[in-house]
N, C-alpha and C. Protein backbone atom coordinates (compact mmCIF):
# COMPACT_ATOMS: atom_id res chain seq x y z
N MET A 1 -36.35 61.79 -61.12
CA MET A 1 -34.82 61.12 -62.18
C MET A 1 -35.19 60.67 -63.05
N PRO A 2 -33.32 62.08 -63.37
CA PRO A 2 -33.53 61.49 -64.67
C PRO A 2 -33.85 61.45 -66.05
N LEU A 3 -34.61 61.13 -66.85
CA LEU A 3 -35.35 59.63 -68.20
C LEU A 3 -33.88 60.48 -68.53
N THR A 4 -32.94 61.28 -68.83
CA THR A 4 -32.17 60.38 -69.99
C THR A 4 -31.41 61.30 -69.21
N GLU A 5 -29.91 60.89 -69.55
CA GLU A 5 -28.44 60.97 -69.69
C GLU A 5 -27.76 61.40 -70.35
N PRO A 6 -26.56 62.34 -70.24
CA PRO A 6 -25.42 62.81 -71.68
C PRO A 6 -24.70 61.07 -72.43
N LEU A 7 -25.22 60.98 -73.85
CA LEU A 7 -24.12 59.87 -73.97
C LEU A 7 -22.75 61.03 -73.85
N HIS A 8 -21.78 59.41 -72.91
CA HIS A 8 -20.49 60.27 -72.92
C HIS A 8 -19.36 58.76 -73.25
N GLU A 9 -18.26 58.92 -73.42
CA GLU A 9 -17.18 58.16 -73.46
C GLU A 9 -16.61 57.97 -72.56
N THR A 10 -16.45 55.76 -72.92
CA THR A 10 -16.10 55.62 -71.45
C THR A 10 -14.49 55.05 -72.05
N ASN A 11 -13.41 55.32 -71.45
CA ASN A 11 -12.32 54.11 -71.48
C ASN A 11 -11.26 53.41 -70.87
N ARG A 12 -11.60 52.41 -71.56
CA ARG A 12 -11.97 50.98 -70.78
C ARG A 12 -10.59 50.34 -70.36
N THR A 13 -10.46 50.08 -69.24
CA THR A 13 -8.83 49.55 -69.88
C THR A 13 -9.04 47.99 -69.71
N ASP A 14 -9.92 47.16 -69.12
CA ASP A 14 -10.42 45.62 -68.95
C ASP A 14 -10.93 44.93 -70.20
N ASP A 15 -9.52 44.59 -71.00
CA ASP A 15 -9.66 43.90 -72.38
C ASP A 15 -10.88 42.85 -71.66
N ASP A 16 -11.14 41.97 -70.39
CA ASP A 16 -12.46 41.28 -70.82
C ASP A 16 -14.20 41.70 -70.90
N GLN A 17 -13.77 43.07 -70.79
CA GLN A 17 -14.63 43.13 -70.57
C GLN A 17 -15.37 44.43 -72.09
N LEU A 18 -14.59 44.27 -72.18
CA LEU A 18 -14.88 44.55 -74.85
C LEU A 18 -14.82 43.51 -75.21
N PRO A 19 -15.72 43.72 -76.51
CA PRO A 19 -16.33 42.33 -77.17
C PRO A 19 -15.24 42.84 -78.27
N LYS A 20 -14.70 41.52 -78.69
CA LYS A 20 -13.19 41.29 -79.63
C LYS A 20 -12.96 41.64 -80.52
N GLY A 21 -11.77 42.21 -80.89
CA GLY A 21 -11.96 42.80 -82.17
C GLY A 21 -12.08 44.30 -82.06
N THR A 22 -12.53 44.85 -80.11
CA THR A 22 -12.79 46.24 -80.62
C THR A 22 -12.27 46.77 -80.13
N ASP A 23 -11.74 48.38 -79.89
CA ASP A 23 -10.66 48.85 -79.48
C ASP A 23 -12.18 49.93 -78.69
N SER A 24 -11.34 50.87 -77.38
CA SER A 24 -12.24 51.67 -77.12
C SER A 24 -11.98 53.36 -78.39
N PRO A 25 -13.00 54.41 -77.86
CA PRO A 25 -13.03 54.48 -76.88
C PRO A 25 -15.09 54.14 -76.85
N TYR A 26 -15.65 54.22 -76.50
CA TYR A 26 -17.12 53.19 -76.41
C TYR A 26 -18.06 53.96 -75.80
N VAL A 27 -19.40 54.72 -76.62
CA VAL A 27 -20.36 55.05 -76.08
C VAL A 27 -21.28 54.65 -74.86
N LYS A 28 -21.83 54.84 -73.96
CA LYS A 28 -22.31 54.31 -72.99
C LYS A 28 -24.14 54.45 -72.99
N ILE A 29 -24.74 53.85 -73.21
CA ILE A 29 -26.16 54.37 -74.01
C ILE A 29 -26.77 53.66 -72.42
N TYR A 30 -27.72 54.93 -71.85
CA TYR A 30 -28.52 54.00 -70.76
C TYR A 30 -29.90 54.13 -70.79
N GLY A 31 -30.71 53.07 -70.66
CA GLY A 31 -31.84 51.94 -71.50
C GLY A 31 -32.40 51.36 -69.97
N PRO A 32 -33.51 51.25 -70.32
CA PRO A 32 -34.30 50.36 -69.37
C PRO A 32 -34.11 48.93 -70.12
N GLU A 33 -32.86 48.78 -70.65
CA GLU A 33 -32.95 47.26 -71.14
C GLU A 33 -31.41 47.34 -69.93
N ALA A 34 -31.20 48.33 -69.36
CA ALA A 34 -29.87 48.46 -68.89
C ALA A 34 -28.67 48.42 -69.31
N ALA A 35 -27.23 48.70 -69.14
CA ALA A 35 -26.33 50.04 -69.29
C ALA A 35 -25.69 48.96 -70.00
N THR A 36 -25.49 49.70 -71.36
CA THR A 36 -25.02 48.18 -72.46
C THR A 36 -24.16 48.96 -73.13
N ALA A 37 -23.20 48.57 -73.17
CA ALA A 37 -21.83 49.58 -74.45
C ALA A 37 -22.24 49.39 -76.26
N TYR A 38 -22.31 50.65 -75.99
CA TYR A 38 -21.97 50.36 -78.37
C TYR A 38 -20.78 51.00 -78.26
N LYS A 39 -20.10 50.05 -79.72
CA LYS A 39 -18.74 50.75 -80.36
C LYS A 39 -19.65 52.70 -80.59
N HIS A 40 -18.10 52.69 -80.77
CA HIS A 40 -18.58 54.72 -80.40
C HIS A 40 -18.97 55.05 -82.24
N ASP A 41 -19.81 54.84 -82.70
CA ASP A 41 -19.84 54.89 -84.34
C ASP A 41 -19.19 57.65 -84.31
N ALA A 42 -18.66 57.07 -84.97
CA ALA A 42 -17.98 59.09 -84.49
C ALA A 42 -19.63 60.21 -85.50
N GLY A 43 -19.96 60.49 -83.78
CA GLY A 43 -20.47 61.64 -84.40
C GLY A 43 -22.25 60.84 -84.00
N ILE A 44 -21.80 59.43 -83.75
CA ILE A 44 -23.85 59.87 -83.29
C ILE A 44 -24.00 60.57 -81.89
N GLU A 45 -22.83 61.10 -81.40
CA GLU A 45 -22.91 61.85 -79.98
C GLU A 45 -24.11 63.40 -80.13
N ALA A 46 -22.94 63.30 -81.09
CA ALA A 46 -23.79 65.44 -81.91
C ALA A 46 -25.01 65.00 -82.97
N LEU A 47 -25.27 63.70 -83.20
CA LEU A 47 -26.74 63.81 -83.75
C LEU A 47 -27.43 63.69 -83.60
N MET A 48 -27.47 63.71 -81.88
CA MET A 48 -29.17 63.53 -80.83
C MET A 48 -29.39 65.16 -80.91
N PRO A 49 -30.94 64.51 -81.12
CA PRO A 49 -31.28 66.17 -80.15
C PRO A 49 -30.36 66.00 -78.86
N LYS A 50 -31.27 67.07 -78.84
CA LYS A 50 -30.74 68.15 -77.00
C LYS A 50 -32.18 68.09 -75.98
N LEU A 51 -31.20 67.34 -75.41
CA LEU A 51 -32.70 67.59 -74.30
C LEU A 51 -32.47 67.18 -72.71
N CYS A 52 -31.88 67.74 -71.96
CA CYS A 52 -30.73 67.48 -70.77
C CYS A 52 -31.15 68.52 -69.59
N HIS A 53 -33.16 68.83 -68.75
CA HIS A 53 -34.69 68.98 -68.74
C HIS A 53 -33.89 67.54 -67.89
N ALA A 54 -34.55 67.39 -67.04
CA ALA A 54 -34.16 66.73 -65.80
C ALA A 54 -36.08 65.67 -65.94
N ASP A 55 -37.33 66.87 -66.34
CA ASP A 55 -38.29 66.49 -66.12
C ASP A 55 -39.05 66.55 -67.96
N TYR A 56 -37.58 66.41 -69.15
CA TYR A 56 -38.47 66.60 -70.24
C TYR A 56 -38.23 64.94 -70.42
N TYR A 57 -38.87 64.54 -71.14
CA TYR A 57 -39.06 63.55 -72.25
C TYR A 57 -39.00 63.56 -73.78
N THR A 58 -38.44 62.01 -74.37
CA THR A 58 -38.86 61.64 -75.77
C THR A 58 -39.82 60.31 -75.51
N GLU A 59 -40.07 60.25 -77.02
CA GLU A 59 -40.34 58.95 -77.02
C GLU A 59 -40.27 58.81 -78.50
N PRO A 60 -39.39 57.90 -79.09
CA PRO A 60 -38.31 57.52 -77.90
C PRO A 60 -37.85 58.15 -77.55
N SER A 61 -37.29 56.93 -76.60
CA SER A 61 -35.93 58.05 -74.97
C SER A 61 -34.83 58.55 -76.03
N ILE A 62 -34.19 59.09 -75.33
CA ILE A 62 -32.76 59.53 -76.64
C ILE A 62 -31.64 58.57 -76.08
N GLN A 63 -31.88 56.91 -75.40
CA GLN A 63 -31.23 57.20 -75.16
C GLN A 63 -31.21 55.41 -76.35
N GLU A 64 -32.88 55.42 -76.61
CA GLU A 64 -32.81 54.15 -78.27
C GLU A 64 -32.95 55.02 -79.17
N LEU A 65 -33.23 56.75 -78.94
CA LEU A 65 -33.12 56.93 -80.26
C LEU A 65 -31.42 56.48 -81.08
N ALA A 66 -30.43 57.11 -80.01
CA ALA A 66 -29.29 56.70 -80.18
C ALA A 66 -28.48 55.30 -80.44
N ALA A 67 -29.30 53.81 -79.52
CA ALA A 67 -29.64 52.72 -80.42
C ALA A 67 -29.71 52.44 -81.31
N LYS A 68 -30.99 52.79 -82.14
CA LYS A 68 -31.23 52.55 -83.41
C LYS A 68 -30.35 53.05 -84.39
N GLU A 69 -29.54 54.89 -83.91
CA GLU A 69 -29.37 55.46 -85.42
C GLU A 69 -27.59 54.60 -85.62
N ILE A 70 -27.72 53.47 -84.38
CA ILE A 70 -26.23 52.49 -84.57
C ILE A 70 -25.99 51.83 -85.26
N ALA A 71 -28.03 50.62 -85.25
CA ALA A 71 -28.50 50.11 -86.26
C ALA A 71 -28.63 49.96 -86.54
N GLU A 72 -29.04 51.72 -87.10
CA GLU A 72 -29.98 50.77 -88.55
C GLU A 72 -29.58 52.86 -88.89
N PRO A 73 -28.39 53.20 -89.69
CA PRO A 73 -27.96 55.10 -89.88
C PRO A 73 -29.13 55.33 -90.35
N GLY A 74 -29.78 56.48 -89.97
CA GLY A 74 -30.75 57.37 -91.05
C GLY A 74 -31.28 57.05 -89.98
N PHE A 75 -31.83 56.36 -89.18
CA PHE A 75 -32.69 56.27 -88.29
C PHE A 75 -33.59 57.79 -87.23
N CYS A 76 -32.34 58.60 -86.88
CA CYS A 76 -33.20 59.72 -86.48
C CYS A 76 -33.43 60.76 -87.90
N CYS A 77 -33.77 60.41 -89.22
CA CYS A 77 -34.14 61.60 -90.26
C CYS A 77 -35.49 61.58 -90.03
N ARG A 78 -36.29 59.58 -89.97
CA ARG A 78 -37.86 59.83 -89.51
C ARG A 78 -38.19 59.27 -88.56
N VAL A 79 -38.40 58.87 -87.73
CA VAL A 79 -37.96 59.22 -86.36
C VAL A 79 -39.87 59.16 -86.72
N ARG A 80 -41.30 57.88 -86.69
CA ARG A 80 -42.06 58.20 -86.15
C ARG A 80 -42.94 58.39 -85.28
N ASP A 81 -43.57 59.57 -85.06
CA ASP A 81 -45.00 59.73 -84.34
C ASP A 81 -43.41 60.21 -82.82
N LEU A 82 -43.47 61.02 -83.54
CA LEU A 82 -42.25 61.53 -82.29
C LEU A 82 -43.40 62.22 -80.60
N VAL A 83 -42.88 61.62 -79.47
CA VAL A 83 -43.94 62.80 -78.52
C VAL A 83 -42.56 63.70 -77.59
N VAL A 84 -42.52 64.74 -77.39
CA VAL A 84 -41.37 65.10 -76.52
C VAL A 84 -43.05 65.50 -75.24
N GLY A 85 -42.64 65.57 -74.25
CA GLY A 85 -43.27 65.80 -73.63
C GLY A 85 -42.67 66.76 -71.91
N ARG A 86 -43.46 66.81 -70.93
CA ARG A 86 -42.41 66.98 -69.23
C ARG A 86 -43.57 66.79 -68.71
N HIS A 87 -42.97 66.20 -68.03
CA HIS A 87 -43.68 65.01 -67.15
C HIS A 87 -44.23 66.26 -66.19
N GLY A 88 -45.69 65.91 -65.86
CA GLY A 88 -47.31 66.66 -65.11
C GLY A 88 -47.02 68.26 -65.79
N TYR A 89 -47.13 68.60 -67.55
CA TYR A 89 -47.44 69.35 -68.20
C TYR A 89 -47.53 69.15 -68.94
N GLY A 90 -47.63 68.20 -69.20
CA GLY A 90 -48.03 67.87 -71.15
C GLY A 90 -47.15 67.01 -72.41
N SER A 91 -47.14 66.74 -73.08
CA SER A 91 -47.16 66.21 -74.51
C SER A 91 -47.34 66.75 -76.37
N ILE A 92 -46.90 66.87 -77.07
CA ILE A 92 -47.39 66.81 -77.96
C ILE A 92 -46.81 65.51 -78.74
N LYS A 93 -47.49 65.48 -79.92
CA LYS A 93 -47.30 63.87 -80.47
C LYS A 93 -46.67 64.79 -82.20
N PHE A 94 -45.86 64.24 -82.58
CA PHE A 94 -46.01 64.98 -83.84
C PHE A 94 -46.37 63.63 -85.06
N TYR A 95 -47.01 63.74 -85.73
CA TYR A 95 -46.93 62.94 -86.67
C TYR A 95 -46.58 62.76 -87.91
N GLY A 96 -46.45 61.52 -87.95
CA GLY A 96 -45.90 61.14 -89.50
C GLY A 96 -44.34 60.88 -88.94
N GLU A 97 -43.63 61.26 -90.15
CA GLU A 97 -41.97 61.22 -89.73
C GLU A 97 -41.09 62.60 -89.62
N THR A 98 -40.62 62.28 -88.10
CA THR A 98 -39.67 63.76 -87.67
C THR A 98 -38.07 63.14 -88.33
N ASN A 99 -37.85 64.31 -88.63
CA ASN A 99 -36.07 64.44 -88.49
C ASN A 99 -35.59 65.09 -87.60
N VAL A 100 -34.91 64.15 -86.30
CA VAL A 100 -35.22 64.89 -84.50
C VAL A 100 -33.07 64.81 -84.92
N ARG A 101 -32.66 64.89 -85.91
CA ARG A 101 -31.06 65.38 -85.83
C ARG A 101 -31.00 66.01 -85.60
N GLN A 102 -29.44 67.03 -84.46
CA GLN A 102 -29.22 68.48 -83.86
C GLN A 102 -30.15 68.82 -83.66
N LEU A 103 -32.14 68.61 -83.59
CA LEU A 103 -32.54 69.24 -83.13
C LEU A 103 -32.38 69.76 -80.76
N ASP A 104 -32.49 70.71 -80.49
CA ASP A 104 -32.17 71.36 -79.35
C ASP A 104 -33.83 71.44 -79.19
N LEU A 105 -34.65 70.58 -78.17
CA LEU A 105 -35.33 70.19 -79.13
C LEU A 105 -35.50 71.48 -77.18
N GLU A 106 -35.26 71.60 -76.45
CA GLU A 106 -36.14 72.55 -75.56
C GLU A 106 -35.68 73.65 -75.53
N SER A 107 -34.91 74.20 -76.48
CA SER A 107 -35.79 75.45 -76.96
C SER A 107 -36.72 75.91 -77.92
N ILE A 108 -36.91 74.35 -78.34
CA ILE A 108 -37.61 74.37 -79.48
C ILE A 108 -39.34 75.00 -78.43
N ILE A 109 -38.87 73.37 -77.60
CA ILE A 109 -40.83 73.49 -76.88
C ILE A 109 -40.01 74.14 -75.05
N GLN A 110 -40.86 74.70 -74.89
CA GLN A 110 -41.55 75.18 -73.40
C GLN A 110 -43.11 74.77 -73.10
N PHE A 111 -42.87 74.45 -72.23
CA PHE A 111 -44.45 73.81 -71.84
C PHE A 111 -43.95 74.41 -70.15
N ASN A 112 -44.65 74.67 -70.20
CA ASN A 112 -45.01 75.51 -68.44
C ASN A 112 -46.98 74.88 -67.80
N ASN A 113 -47.37 76.09 -66.87
CA ASN A 113 -47.84 75.53 -65.93
C ASN A 113 -49.80 75.71 -67.19
N ARG A 114 -50.21 74.82 -67.50
CA ARG A 114 -51.43 74.36 -68.69
C ARG A 114 -52.07 75.77 -70.01
N GLU A 115 -49.96 75.89 -70.31
CA GLU A 115 -49.91 76.88 -71.18
C GLU A 115 -48.28 76.09 -72.47
N VAL A 116 -48.04 75.69 -73.31
CA VAL A 116 -47.06 74.92 -73.61
C VAL A 116 -46.57 75.86 -76.25
N ILE A 117 -46.12 76.07 -75.34
CA ILE A 117 -44.97 76.94 -76.72
C ILE A 117 -43.87 76.14 -77.51
N VAL A 118 -45.00 76.63 -78.85
CA VAL A 118 -42.71 75.93 -79.49
C VAL A 118 -43.13 77.00 -80.44
N TYR A 119 -41.42 77.21 -80.34
CA TYR A 119 -40.34 78.14 -81.91
C TYR A 119 -40.94 79.65 -81.30
N SER A 120 -40.06 79.81 -79.86
CA SER A 120 -41.23 80.87 -78.81
C SER A 120 -40.79 81.88 -80.05
N ASP A 121 -39.13 81.94 -80.44
CA ASP A 121 -38.81 82.65 -81.57
C ASP A 121 -38.45 83.19 -83.03
N ASP A 122 -38.70 83.56 -83.15
CA ASP A 122 -39.62 83.56 -84.52
C ASP A 122 -38.16 83.83 -85.65
N SER A 123 -36.82 83.96 -85.37
CA SER A 123 -36.64 84.16 -86.44
C SER A 123 -35.48 82.78 -85.51
N LYS A 124 -35.89 81.68 -85.31
CA LYS A 124 -35.57 80.25 -85.49
C LYS A 124 -36.28 79.77 -86.06
N LYS A 125 -37.75 80.12 -85.97
CA LYS A 125 -38.99 78.78 -86.91
C LYS A 125 -38.60 78.80 -88.00
N PRO A 126 -38.82 77.07 -88.51
CA PRO A 126 -38.97 76.65 -90.03
C PRO A 126 -39.82 77.49 -90.64
N PRO A 127 -40.05 76.98 -92.10
CA PRO A 127 -41.16 77.13 -92.86
C PRO A 127 -42.42 75.93 -92.32
N VAL A 128 -43.29 75.96 -92.63
CA VAL A 128 -44.80 75.46 -92.40
C VAL A 128 -43.88 73.71 -92.98
N GLY A 129 -44.04 72.59 -92.06
CA GLY A 129 -44.08 71.50 -92.34
C GLY A 129 -42.60 70.99 -92.42
N GLN A 130 -41.54 71.76 -91.91
CA GLN A 130 -41.00 71.38 -91.69
C GLN A 130 -39.85 71.81 -90.30
N GLY A 131 -39.09 70.53 -89.90
CA GLY A 131 -38.81 70.91 -87.89
C GLY A 131 -39.61 70.48 -87.18
N LEU A 132 -40.24 70.62 -86.09
CA LEU A 132 -41.42 70.14 -85.69
C LEU A 132 -42.88 71.46 -85.66
N ASN A 133 -42.49 72.34 -86.64
CA ASN A 133 -43.42 72.82 -87.21
C ASN A 133 -44.12 72.20 -88.04
N LYS A 134 -44.81 71.16 -88.09
CA LYS A 134 -45.81 69.93 -88.54
C LYS A 134 -47.28 69.78 -87.55
N PRO A 135 -47.99 69.22 -88.00
CA PRO A 135 -48.92 68.87 -87.51
C PRO A 135 -48.41 67.88 -86.59
N ALA A 136 -49.60 67.75 -85.51
CA ALA A 136 -49.01 67.20 -83.78
C ALA A 136 -50.25 67.26 -83.47
N GLU A 137 -50.19 66.71 -82.14
CA GLU A 137 -51.47 66.45 -81.30
C GLU A 137 -51.40 66.56 -79.81
N VAL A 138 -51.39 68.10 -79.41
CA VAL A 138 -51.03 68.50 -77.79
C VAL A 138 -51.78 67.96 -76.93
N THR A 139 -51.33 67.20 -75.71
CA THR A 139 -52.38 67.11 -75.09
C THR A 139 -51.57 68.39 -73.38
N ILE A 140 -52.59 69.24 -72.47
CA ILE A 140 -52.21 69.32 -71.35
C ILE A 140 -52.53 69.21 -70.65
N LEU A 141 -52.15 69.29 -69.55
CA LEU A 141 -52.33 68.69 -68.22
C LEU A 141 -52.36 69.54 -67.20
N ASN A 142 -53.18 69.55 -65.95
CA ASN A 142 -53.62 70.66 -64.56
C ASN A 142 -54.99 71.96 -65.75
N VAL A 143 -55.53 71.47 -66.51
CA VAL A 143 -56.34 72.65 -67.06
C VAL A 143 -58.11 71.81 -65.78
N LYS A 144 -58.49 71.98 -65.74
CA LYS A 144 -59.50 71.89 -64.29
C LYS A 144 -60.76 72.65 -64.21
N CYS A 145 -61.62 72.33 -64.04
CA CYS A 145 -62.66 73.08 -63.71
C CYS A 145 -62.91 72.98 -62.24
N MET A 146 -62.58 74.00 -62.39
CA MET A 146 -62.25 74.52 -60.13
C MET A 146 -63.69 75.71 -59.83
N ASN A 147 -63.79 75.60 -58.45
CA ASN A 147 -64.39 76.89 -57.45
C ASN A 147 -63.05 77.36 -57.31
N LYS A 148 -63.09 79.16 -57.73
CA LYS A 148 -61.88 79.56 -57.08
C LYS A 148 -62.33 79.70 -55.33
N ARG A 149 -63.67 79.87 -55.13
CA ARG A 149 -63.60 80.41 -53.55
C ARG A 149 -63.19 79.08 -52.78
N THR A 150 -63.47 77.64 -52.98
CA THR A 150 -63.25 76.70 -52.31
C THR A 150 -62.43 76.11 -52.87
N GLY A 151 -61.93 76.11 -54.15
CA GLY A 151 -60.30 75.11 -54.75
C GLY A 151 -61.73 74.21 -54.64
N GLN A 152 -62.88 73.86 -54.86
CA GLN A 152 -63.06 72.36 -55.32
C GLN A 152 -62.90 72.45 -57.09
N GLN A 153 -62.74 70.84 -57.35
CA GLN A 153 -62.75 71.26 -59.29
C GLN A 153 -64.28 70.01 -59.27
N TYR A 154 -64.59 70.47 -59.88
CA TYR A 154 -65.67 70.03 -60.97
C TYR A 154 -65.66 68.46 -61.64
N THR A 155 -66.11 67.60 -61.15
CA THR A 155 -65.53 66.88 -62.26
C THR A 155 -67.21 66.30 -63.68
N GLU A 156 -68.75 66.72 -63.61
CA GLU A 156 -69.38 66.41 -63.91
C GLU A 156 -70.70 67.75 -64.07
N GLY A 157 -72.07 67.29 -64.24
CA GLY A 157 -72.14 68.46 -64.17
C GLY A 157 -71.66 69.55 -65.37
N PRO A 158 -73.06 70.46 -65.34
CA PRO A 158 -73.64 71.79 -66.09
C PRO A 158 -72.11 73.08 -65.75
N LYS A 159 -71.11 72.61 -65.03
CA LYS A 159 -70.34 73.78 -65.06
C LYS A 159 -69.13 72.75 -65.93
N VAL A 160 -69.15 72.51 -65.76
CA VAL A 160 -67.80 71.16 -66.51
C VAL A 160 -68.81 70.82 -67.95
N ASP A 161 -70.00 70.60 -67.97
CA ASP A 161 -69.62 71.12 -70.31
C ASP A 161 -69.63 72.83 -69.85
N LYS A 162 -69.92 73.94 -69.56
CA LYS A 162 -69.87 75.07 -70.11
C LYS A 162 -68.46 75.46 -69.97
N TYR A 163 -67.76 73.98 -68.93
CA TYR A 163 -66.39 74.96 -69.53
C TYR A 163 -65.43 73.76 -70.26
N LYS A 164 -66.36 72.52 -70.80
CA LYS A 164 -66.65 72.36 -71.96
C LYS A 164 -66.00 72.94 -73.25
N GLU A 165 -67.15 73.28 -73.43
CA GLU A 165 -68.03 73.95 -74.27
C GLU A 165 -66.15 75.77 -74.74
N MET A 166 -66.87 76.11 -73.48
CA MET A 166 -65.09 77.17 -73.58
C MET A 166 -63.78 76.64 -73.78
N LEU A 167 -63.44 75.51 -73.73
CA LEU A 167 -61.95 75.04 -74.10
C LEU A 167 -62.11 74.62 -75.74
N THR A 168 -63.49 74.24 -75.64
CA THR A 168 -63.51 74.79 -77.81
C THR A 168 -63.36 75.37 -78.72
N GLN A 169 -64.19 76.62 -77.68
CA GLN A 169 -63.91 77.55 -78.66
C GLN A 169 -62.56 77.72 -78.77
N LYS A 170 -61.44 77.80 -77.50
CA LYS A 170 -60.30 78.50 -78.11
C LYS A 170 -59.76 77.69 -78.54
N THR A 171 -60.18 76.90 -78.57
CA THR A 171 -58.38 75.10 -79.26
C THR A 171 -59.40 76.03 -80.82
N GLN A 172 -60.84 76.00 -80.93
CA GLN A 172 -60.94 77.19 -82.60
C GLN A 172 -60.74 78.00 -83.16
N GLU A 173 -60.78 78.61 -81.87
CA GLU A 173 -60.21 80.61 -82.22
C GLU A 173 -59.08 80.31 -83.07
N GLN A 174 -58.05 79.57 -82.60
CA GLN A 174 -57.08 79.86 -82.77
C GLN A 174 -55.98 78.66 -84.32
N GLY A 175 -57.31 77.99 -84.59
CA GLY A 175 -57.32 77.02 -85.83
C GLY A 175 -57.30 75.81 -85.83
N ALA A 176 -56.63 75.87 -83.90
CA ALA A 176 -57.18 74.20 -84.08
C ALA A 176 -58.14 73.30 -83.49
N GLU A 177 -57.67 72.43 -83.77
CA GLU A 177 -59.31 71.12 -83.75
C GLU A 177 -59.53 69.91 -82.50
N PHE A 178 -60.60 70.41 -81.21
CA PHE A 178 -60.42 70.01 -79.85
C PHE A 178 -60.40 68.47 -79.81
N ILE A 179 -60.16 67.71 -79.65
CA ILE A 179 -60.49 66.35 -79.44
C ILE A 179 -60.80 65.49 -78.36
N SER A 180 -60.34 66.40 -77.13
CA SER A 180 -61.25 65.54 -76.12
C SER A 180 -61.11 66.57 -74.55
N PHE A 181 -61.72 66.34 -73.38
CA PHE A 181 -61.59 67.08 -71.53
C PHE A 181 -61.66 65.56 -71.74
N ASP A 182 -60.54 65.58 -70.53
CA ASP A 182 -60.70 64.63 -69.25
C ASP A 182 -61.03 65.86 -67.93
N PRO A 183 -62.35 66.44 -67.17
CA PRO A 183 -62.26 66.54 -66.53
C PRO A 183 -61.95 66.27 -64.89
N ILE A 184 -61.77 64.45 -64.76
CA ILE A 184 -61.14 63.73 -64.09
C ILE A 184 -60.33 64.26 -63.76
N LYS A 185 -59.00 63.51 -65.12
CA LYS A 185 -57.56 63.35 -64.78
C LYS A 185 -56.90 65.87 -65.74
N GLY A 186 -58.51 66.45 -65.95
CA GLY A 186 -58.09 67.49 -66.17
C GLY A 186 -56.87 67.82 -67.30
N GLU A 187 -57.18 66.53 -68.16
CA GLU A 187 -56.02 66.58 -69.29
C GLU A 187 -57.23 67.57 -70.61
N TRP A 188 -56.88 68.34 -71.58
CA TRP A 188 -57.04 68.80 -72.83
C TRP A 188 -56.04 68.56 -74.31
N LYS A 189 -57.52 67.99 -75.30
CA LYS A 189 -56.37 67.68 -76.30
C LYS A 189 -56.77 68.07 -77.33
N PHE A 190 -56.17 67.97 -78.59
CA PHE A 190 -56.30 68.56 -79.07
C PHE A 190 -55.11 68.68 -80.82
N LYS A 191 -55.46 69.28 -81.41
CA LYS A 191 -55.07 68.90 -82.74
C LYS A 191 -54.03 70.15 -83.71
N VAL A 192 -53.63 70.54 -84.06
CA VAL A 192 -52.91 71.42 -84.34
C VAL A 192 -52.45 71.69 -86.23
N ILE A 193 -52.23 72.80 -87.22
CA ILE A 193 -51.30 72.12 -88.02
C ILE A 193 -50.00 72.33 -88.58
N HIS A 194 -49.69 73.23 -87.37
CA HIS A 194 -48.42 74.02 -87.33
C HIS A 194 -48.55 74.18 -86.44
N PHE A 195 -47.71 74.45 -86.07
CA PHE A 195 -46.87 76.37 -84.80
C PHE A 195 -46.66 77.30 -85.06
N SER A 196 -47.33 77.78 -86.01
CA SER A 196 -46.45 79.03 -86.50
C SER A 196 -47.30 80.13 -85.29
N CYS A 197 -48.74 80.32 -85.05
CA CYS A 197 -48.47 81.39 -83.93
C CYS A 197 -49.31 80.78 -83.29
N TYR A 198 -49.28 79.31 -82.75
CA TYR A 198 -50.14 78.78 -81.77
C TYR A 198 -49.16 78.91 -80.04
N GLU A 199 -50.77 79.87 -78.99
CA GLU A 199 -50.19 79.91 -77.94
C GLU A 199 -50.97 79.67 -76.87
N PHE A 200 -50.86 78.69 -76.40
CA PHE A 200 -52.21 77.74 -76.08
C PHE A 200 -52.39 78.09 -73.78
N LEU A 201 -52.74 79.04 -73.50
CA LEU A 201 -52.57 79.85 -71.99
C LEU A 201 -54.58 79.53 -71.27
N VAL A 202 -55.34 78.31 -70.52
CA VAL A 202 -55.84 78.73 -70.64
C VAL A 202 -56.25 78.87 -68.60
N ASP A 203 -57.46 79.88 -68.65
CA ASP A 203 -57.91 79.99 -66.94
C ASP A 203 -58.23 79.17 -65.96
N THR A 204 -57.83 78.38 -65.28
CA THR A 204 -59.06 77.19 -64.81
C THR A 204 -59.89 77.64 -64.57
N ASP A 205 -60.21 78.70 -63.55
CA ASP A 205 -61.22 78.96 -62.89
C ASP A 205 -62.82 79.03 -63.45
N MET A 206 -63.74 78.66 -62.28
CA MET A 206 -64.67 78.96 -63.56
C MET A 206 -65.55 79.84 -61.98
């Protein structure tokens, strides 16, 4: 089920459904609180970050960002600890305040199996500290210590310890800081200072 639905205008003719003293068009924001109609502040939809893939998500959600931007103009210029993720693959939490206005998130961030790429196109990469090229916490899923021959997953013991050492070394080699490895969940976490040269891809078999 898509977590985000594109904002769209709806022209209503039933005056009883409209707040008094207002006219259409409206932008309908779909969120956990149920569908709520907000008066269309010109340009709100155009300001929202682009993220159309159903399995990608943001925290706050696109709907929540739109609602906040309407209630507090300029909110999307200073979103604190923004999270962008893909269900079943991983997520990135960007530390501090981030300007998400008109960001094409789906072209900037790519989650593949045990891999995350940010700004794959060097020509579109902003200087360090700008855009999403900033300090962040990265979580990659499906990183499991496996037996190649039998398909068995190791969750403890010497093989897991060795695997964790390998992940720690791989993290440090790319100038990042290892945070943790959960062998049961298959979850690898690390911190990066920026994304100018990071591409994490790991072979999970032992």
